[in-house]
C-alpha cells in the first residue's frame, strides 16, 4: 500500500476517529452495485481483504486507512446521440412534423433509461489515510473532485467533518520559481529534471520540460522572461520523489526502493502483513515529510479561529 498521489487536508476541530466509531460510521455508507436504472453508486469498501468480515477501517500504529469505491454505468454520448437522431428522424418522417427541444429531451431521457441496463460497468477506488494525532487526512487522488467525493461521503457517514485543504503562507509558485532560479531547494529537498513554466500574462505561453537539465541556460531564459514555475519534480532525502504543483498537489509520488524493501523484510511472505507494513512505513514517512515540505514552502497557513 503505497500512495501515488497526495492531497492533504487539515482537521480544524477534533473528531472521534477511533477505529470502532469509524467502522460503525462507514458501515452506514457501504459500496453497492448499480441497480439497473442507476448511473452511479458510491460507498466504502474494505481497504484490505474481502468478504463481509473485512473491516472498513484498517488501523495500524495510530493511523487509519479507508477506501471508497465508485461504480458507474458507461453510456457513451455518441450512442445516445445516434439513437436519439434515429428516433427523431422516424417521428418526423412518419408524422410529418418537427420534433422540438422539449420533446427531444423527453425522448433522450427515455433512450437513456432503455440503454442503461445494457451499459458497461466501471469501478474505481480511492484511498485515504487518517492521522488523528497530526490532525491530517491524506487522500490518494490526483484531482480535488475525486478527493471531495470521498470526503463528502465520509462527512455524511460520521455526521461532521470540519476540515480544509492545507495552504501555505507564500504562494507555492513563487517558492518553486526561486528554487529553480537559484538552482537549489532548501535542505533535504533536491530539484530533479522536470518542470512546467507558465507565463503570468493572460493567454501566456506554457513550457513543459522532461528529462531536462533544469539548471541550464534555456530554463533560466524562460525564468528571466517572467515565467513562473507551476510544477516541479523534487526528491526528499533518500526516501521519496514527487511532482509538486502550485496548488500543493503531490503527484507521481514514488517511495524509494530501500523503503519498499524494508517493508517487505518487516512483513515476510504474508500478503496481509506486507500490506500493513507498507502502509505503516508509508505513514511514518509522510508525517515527517509533510511538515518538512510545508516548512520549506514558507510554513503552513493557519486561518484565524482555527
Foldseek 3Di string as FASTA:
>chain_A
DAFFWKFKKFFPDADPPDLVLLQQLQVVFAFDEDDQQDFKHKGWDQPDDDDPPRTQWDDDPQKIKHKMKMKGFDDDPVVLVVVLVVVQVVCCVVVVDHDDDVNSVVVSVVVSRVCRNVTDMDMDMKMWMDRNVRRMIITRDQDVVVVVVVVVSSCVSNVHTRMDGWDAPAQLQVQVLVCLLVVHADPQKHFDWWWKWFAPDVVTDIDTTGNHDSNDPVVNVSVVVHITTQKTWMGGHQFWIFIAGRVRMTHRIDTDPVLLVVLCVVQPPDPVSSVNSSVVSNVVVVVVVVQVVSVSSHHIDDDPPD
